[in-house]
Amino acid sequence: MGQPIAFLITFTTYGTRLHGDERGTVDKAHNQYGTPHRPQDDKLEAHRKKLMKHESTLISPAMRRIIRLTIMEVCETRGWRLAALNIRTNHVHVVVSFHGVRATKMMGDLKAYSTRNLRNANLVAADENVWTAGGSTRAIFDEDGLWRAVDYVENEQGSDLPEE
């Protein structure tokens, strides 16, 4: 297959999709593309909710603007080609091309700088978690896959959400 030409990176906000959720989740035993997610488990979800340090984080219009500008700036500064970006209320999709950088590093940088800028704008408390640990980094190996990922991010997420 060769080296990926881009990645579809997805990360969720804190507490919005706990293990046991009816939509299914990914964990170490349920993480292969094309295989089932971890199934719904109401008891596990309730247990995970009790472990939360604070309420779940939802992205407001003001937060959405900061996150968008931050991701654009990080990509420009690092020389990463941002092909698509969609910031929803509880997750972020990014399609990005790169040279010699691990996708997990890119995702970590996007989350860290977004968190820092949200805190600097007083939109998130210093002790508040914004994101869940980890996320999804799907490799894209050809132009057709790249255009499918861009279409998914730009056209299959529902209507555009407002920014302030």
C-alpha atoms as a PDB file:
ATOM      1  CA  MET A   1       0.000   0.000   0.000  1.00  0.00           C
ATOM      2  CA  GLY A   2       2.837   2.415   0.595  1.00  0.00           C
ATOM      3  CA  GLN A   3       2.779   5.496   2.774  1.00  0.00           C
ATOM      4  CA  PRO A   4      -0.458   7.389   3.496  1.00  0.00           C
ATOM      5  CA  ILE A   5      -0.938  10.686   1.669  1.00  0.00           C
ATOM      6  CA  ALA A   6      -3.241  12.078   4.378  1.00  0.00           C
ATOM      7  CA  PHE A   7      -5.240  11.199   7.465  1.00  0.00           C
ATOM      8  CA  LEU A   8      -8.848  11.595   8.524  1.00  0.00           C
ATOM      9  CA  ILE A   9      -8.445  12.561  12.174  1.00  0.00           C
ATOM     10  CA  THR A  10     -11.444  12.556  14.512  1.00  0.00           C
ATOM     11  CA  PHE A  11     -11.489  13.411  18.202  1.00  0.00           C
ATOM     12  CA  THR A  12     -14.392  13.824  20.598  1.00  0.00           C
ATOM     13  CA  THR A  13     -15.115  16.119  23.493  1.00  0.00           C
ATOM     14  CA  TYR A  14     -14.848  14.967  27.086  1.00  0.00           C
ATOM     15  CA  GLY A  15     -17.670  12.780  28.359  1.00  0.00           C
ATOM     16  CA  THR A  16     -19.843  12.799  25.243  1.00  0.00           C
ATOM     17  CA  ARG A  17     -19.298   9.188  24.173  1.00  0.00           C
ATOM     18  CA  LEU A  18     -18.509   6.915  27.085  1.00  0.00           C
ATOM     19  CA  HIS A  19     -17.829   3.182  26.783  1.00  0.00           C
ATOM     20  CA  GLY A  20     -21.207   1.459  26.891  1.00  0.00           C
ATOM     21  CA  ASP A  21     -22.878   4.187  24.794  1.00  0.00           C
ATOM     22  CA  GLU A  22     -25.649   2.892  22.518  1.00  0.00           C
ATOM     23  CA  ARG A  23     -23.749   4.123  19.430  1.00  0.00           C
ATOM     24  CA  GLY A  24     -20.839   1.814  20.269  1.00  0.00           C
ATOM     25  CA  THR A  25     -17.273   2.804  21.075  1.00  0.00           C
ATOM     26  CA  VAL A  26     -13.735   1.785  20.178  1.00  0.00           C
ATOM     27  CA  ASP A  27     -11.422   0.177  22.715  1.00  0.00           C
ATOM     28  CA  LYS A  28      -8.392  -2.150  22.595  1.00  0.00           C
ATOM     29  CA  ALA A  29     -10.580  -5.167  21.795  1.00  0.00           C
ATOM     30  CA  HIS A  30     -12.814  -3.347  19.275  1.00  0.00           C
ATOM     31  CA  ASN A  31     -10.527  -1.212  17.119  1.00  0.00           C
ATOM     32  CA  GLN A  32     -10.139  -2.824  13.705  1.00  0.00           C
ATOM     33  CA  TYR A  33     -11.634  -1.096  10.668  1.00  0.00           C
ATOM     34  CA  GLY A  34     -14.746  -2.904   9.455  1.00  0.00           C
ATOM     35  CA  THR A  35     -15.319  -4.799  12.708  1.00  0.00           C
ATOM     36  CA  PRO A  36     -18.061  -4.105  15.265  1.00  0.00           C
ATOM     37  CA  HIS A  37     -17.653  -1.436  17.929  1.00  0.00           C
ATOM     38  CA  ARG A  38     -17.902  -2.234  21.621  1.00  0.00           C
ATOM     39  CA  PRO A  39     -21.627  -2.922  22.156  1.00  0.00           C
ATOM     40  CA  GLN A  40     -24.054  -0.966  24.299  1.00  0.00           C
ATOM     41  CA  ASP A  41     -23.705  -1.645  28.026  1.00  0.00           C
ATOM     42  CA  ASP A  42     -25.866   0.561  30.254  1.00  0.00           C
ATOM     43  CA  LYS A  43     -24.100  -0.472  33.466  1.00  0.00           C
ATOM     44  CA  LEU A  44     -20.664   0.287  32.045  1.00  0.00           C
ATOM     45  CA  GLU A  45     -21.835   3.652  30.724  1.00  0.00           C
ATOM     46  CA  ALA A  46     -23.311   4.565  34.135  1.00  0.00           C
ATOM     47  CA  HIS A  47     -20.058   3.524  35.835  1.00  0.00           C
ATOM     48  CA  ARG A  48     -17.988   5.646  33.421  1.00  0.00           C
ATOM     49  CA  LYS A  49     -20.295   8.614  34.007  1.00  0.00           C
ATOM     50  CA  LYS A  50     -19.720   8.349  37.781  1.00  0.00           C
ATOM     51  CA  LEU A  51     -15.962   8.514  37.181  1.00  0.00           C
ATOM     52  CA  MET A  52     -16.185  11.804  35.278  1.00  0.00           C
ATOM     53  CA  LYS A  53     -14.449  14.762  36.946  1.00  0.00           C
ATOM     54  CA  HIS A  54     -16.948  17.290  35.555  1.00  0.00           C
ATOM     55  CA  GLU A  55     -19.851  17.557  33.137  1.00  0.00           C
ATOM     56  CA  SER A  56     -19.299  16.646  29.510  1.00  0.00           C
ATOM     57  CA  THR A  57     -17.870  19.322  27.226  1.00  0.00           C
ATOM     58  CA  LEU A  58     -19.931  20.638  24.322  1.00  0.00           C
ATOM     59  CA  ILE A  59     -18.476  22.988  21.726  1.00  0.00           C
ATOM     60  CA  SER A  60     -20.221  26.369  21.690  1.00  0.00           C
ATOM     61  CA  PRO A  61     -20.174  28.783  18.723  1.00  0.00           C
ATOM     62  CA  ALA A  62     -17.444  30.854  20.422  1.00  0.00           C
ATOM     63  CA  MET A  63     -15.374  27.724  21.088  1.00  0.00           C
ATOM     64  CA  ARG A  64     -15.893  26.560  17.489  1.00  0.00           C
ATOM     65  CA  ARG A  65     -14.336  29.767  16.159  1.00  0.00           C
ATOM     66  CA  ILE A  66     -11.269  29.451  18.417  1.00  0.00           C
ATOM     67  CA  ILE A  67     -10.792  25.776  17.517  1.00  0.00           C
ATOM     68  CA  ARG A  68     -11.112  26.479  13.772  1.00  0.00           C
ATOM     69  CA  LEU A  69      -8.607  29.340  13.857  1.00  0.00           C
ATOM     70  CA  THR A  70      -6.207  27.319  16.000  1.00  0.00           C
ATOM     71  CA  ILE A  71      -6.273  24.272  13.738  1.00  0.00           C
ATOM     72  CA  MET A  72      -5.742  26.442  10.672  1.00  0.00           C
ATOM     73  CA  GLU A  73      -2.794  28.193  12.358  1.00  0.00           C
ATOM     74  CA  VAL A  74      -1.157  24.967  13.559  1.00  0.00           C
ATOM     75  CA  CYS A  75      -1.450  23.415  10.093  1.00  0.00           C
ATOM     76  CA  GLU A  76      -0.016  26.513   8.413  1.00  0.00           C
ATOM     77  CA  THR A  77       2.843  26.830  10.920  1.00  0.00           C
ATOM     78  CA  ARG A  78       3.767  23.146  10.623  1.00  0.00           C
ATOM     79  CA  GLY A  79       3.399  22.981   6.851  1.00  0.00           C
ATOM     80  CA  TRP A  80       0.536  20.509   7.025  1.00  0.00           C
ATOM     81  CA  ARG A  81      -2.024  20.739   4.217  1.00  0.00           C
ATOM     82  CA  LEU A  82      -5.503  21.130   5.708  1.00  0.00           C
ATOM     83  CA  ALA A  83      -7.906  19.573   3.205  1.00  0.00           C
ATOM     84  CA  ALA A  84     -11.106  19.660   5.307  1.00  0.00           C
ATOM     85  CA  LEU A  85     -12.263  20.684   8.768  1.00  0.00           C
ATOM     86  CA  ASN A  86     -15.638  20.326  10.470  1.00  0.00           C
ATOM     87  CA  ILE A  87     -16.176  21.190  14.127  1.00  0.00           C
ATOM     88  CA  ARG A  88     -19.382  19.755  15.577  1.00  0.00           C
ATOM     89  CA  THR A  89     -20.849  20.123  19.074  1.00  0.00           C
ATOM     90  CA  ASN A  90     -19.122  16.997  20.388  1.00  0.00           C
ATOM     91  CA  HIS A  91     -16.359  16.101  17.931  1.00  0.00           C
ATOM     92  CA  VAL A  92     -13.912  17.460  15.375  1.00  0.00           C
ATOM     93  CA  HIS A  93     -13.053  16.008  11.940  1.00  0.00           C
ATOM     94  CA  VAL A  94      -9.820  17.040  10.203  1.00  0.00           C
ATOM     95  CA  VAL A  95      -8.418  15.812   6.890  1.00  0.00           C
ATOM     96  CA  VAL A  96      -4.747  16.721   6.762  1.00  0.00           C
ATOM     97  CA  SER A  97      -1.725  15.867   4.602  1.00  0.00           C
ATOM     98  CA  PHE A  98       1.733  15.746   6.076  1.00  0.00           C
ATOM     99  CA  HIS A  99       5.345  14.770   5.523  1.00  0.00           C
ATOM    100  CA  GLY A 100       7.058  12.577   8.091  1.00  0.00           C
ATOM    101  CA  VAL A 101       4.750  13.244  11.052  1.00  0.00           C
ATOM    102  CA  ARG A 102       2.778  10.592  12.938  1.00  0.00           C
ATOM    103  CA  ALA A 103      -0.986  11.116  12.834  1.00  0.00           C
ATOM    104  CA  THR A 104      -1.195  10.738  16.609  1.00  0.00           C
ATOM    105  CA  LYS A 105       1.326  13.592  16.975  1.00  0.00           C
ATOM    106  CA  MET A 106      -0.766  15.781  14.670  1.00  0.00           C
ATOM    107  CA  MET A 107      -3.932  14.980  16.615  1.00  0.00           C
ATOM    108  CA  GLY A 108      -2.205  15.653  19.934  1.00  0.00           C
ATOM    109  CA  ASP A 109      -0.905  19.012  18.726  1.00  0.00           C
ATOM    110  CA  LEU A 110      -4.309  20.086  17.375  1.00  0.00           C
ATOM    111  CA  LYS A 111      -5.999  19.170  20.660  1.00  0.00           C
ATOM    112  CA  ALA A 112      -3.308  20.747  22.863  1.00  0.00           C
ATOM    113  CA  TYR A 113      -3.148  24.081  21.037  1.00  0.00           C
ATOM    114  CA  SER A 114      -6.943  24.261  20.806  1.00  0.00           C
ATOM    115  CA  THR A 115      -7.220  23.641  24.550  1.00  0.00           C
ATOM    116  CA  ARG A 116      -4.599  26.282  25.315  1.00  0.00           C
ATOM    117  CA  ASN A 117      -6.365  28.880  23.181  1.00  0.00           C
ATOM    118  CA  LEU A 118      -9.783  28.021  24.645  1.00  0.00           C
ATOM    119  CA  ARG A 119      -8.335  28.563  28.122  1.00  0.00           C
ATOM    120  CA  ASN A 120      -6.655  31.819  27.073  1.00  0.00           C
ATOM    121  CA  ALA A 121     -10.063  33.015  25.823  1.00  0.00           C
ATOM    122  CA  ASN A 122     -11.641  32.024  29.182  1.00  0.00           C
ATOM    123  CA  LEU A 123     -13.969  29.584  27.432  1.00  0.00           C
ATOM    124  CA  VAL A 124     -12.660  26.554  29.342  1.00  0.00           C
ATOM    125  CA  ALA A 125     -11.532  26.372  32.970  1.00  0.00           C
ATOM    126  CA  ALA A 126      -7.912  25.497  33.733  1.00  0.00           C
ATOM    127  CA  ASP A 127      -8.932  22.208  35.378  1.00  0.00           C
ATOM    128  CA  GLU A 128     -11.521  21.220  32.771  1.00  0.00           C
ATOM    129  CA  ASN A 129     -10.902  18.410  30.291  1.00  0.00           C
ATOM    130  CA  VAL A 130     -11.899  19.420  26.775  1.00  0.00           C
ATOM    131  CA  TRP A 131     -11.179  16.219  24.843  1.00  0.00           C
ATOM    132  CA  THR A 132     -11.359  12.491  25.395  1.00  0.00           C
ATOM    133  CA  ALA A 133      -8.065  10.619  25.410  1.00  0.00           C
ATOM    134  CA  GLY A 134      -6.962   9.514  21.961  1.00  0.00           C
ATOM    135  CA  GLY A 135      -9.125   9.619  18.879  1.00  0.00           C
ATOM    136  CA  SER A 136      -9.276   8.117  15.402  1.00  0.00           C
ATOM    137  CA  THR A 137      -6.517   8.458  12.790  1.00  0.00           C
ATOM    138  CA  ARG A 138      -7.598   6.791   9.551  1.00  0.00           C
ATOM    139  CA  ALA A 139      -4.890   6.597   6.912  1.00  0.00           C
ATOM    140  CA  ILE A 140      -5.701   7.712   3.360  1.00  0.00           C
ATOM    141  CA  PHE A 141      -3.572   6.145   0.630  1.00  0.00           C
ATOM    142  CA  ASP A 142      -4.812   7.619  -2.667  1.00  0.00           C
ATOM    143  CA  GLU A 143      -6.530  10.641  -4.209  1.00  0.00           C
ATOM    144  CA  ASP A 144      -9.889   8.865  -4.407  1.00  0.00           C
ATOM    145  CA  GLY A 145      -9.734   8.120  -0.684  1.00  0.00           C
ATOM    146  CA  LEU A 146      -8.728  11.720  -0.012  1.00  0.00           C
ATOM    147  CA  TRP A 147     -11.740  13.092  -1.898  1.00  0.00           C
ATOM    148  CA  ARG A 148     -14.081  10.622  -0.152  1.00  0.00           C
ATOM    149  CA  ALA A 149     -12.748  11.756   3.238  1.00  0.00           C
ATOM    150  CA  VAL A 150     -13.128  15.436   2.316  1.00  0.00           C
ATOM    151  CA  ASP A 151     -16.681  14.802   1.104  1.00  0.00           C
ATOM    152  CA  TYR A 152     -17.510  12.959   4.340  1.00  0.00           C
ATOM    153  CA  VAL A 153     -16.170  15.793   6.497  1.00  0.00           C
ATOM    154  CA  GLU A 154     -17.667  18.649   4.474  1.00  0.00           C
ATOM    155  CA  ASN A 155     -20.985  17.187   3.301  1.00  0.00           C
ATOM    156  CA  GLU A 156     -22.043  14.316   5.563  1.00  0.00           C
ATOM    157  CA  GLN A 157     -22.019  15.915   9.021  1.00  0.00           C
ATOM    158  CA  GLY A 158     -25.295  17.814   8.907  1.00  0.00           C
ATOM    159  CA  SER A 159     -25.878  21.510   8.432  1.00  0.00           C
ATOM    160  CA  ASP A 160     -23.174  24.053   9.195  1.00  0.00           C
ATOM    161  CA  LEU A 161     -22.984  25.133  12.824  1.00  0.00           C
ATOM    162  CA  PRO A 162     -22.646  28.792  13.854  1.00  0.00           C
ATOM    163  CA  GLU A 163     -19.535  30.571  15.109  1.00  0.00           C
ATOM    164  CA  GLU A 164     -19.278  33.719  17.188  1.00  0.00           C
END
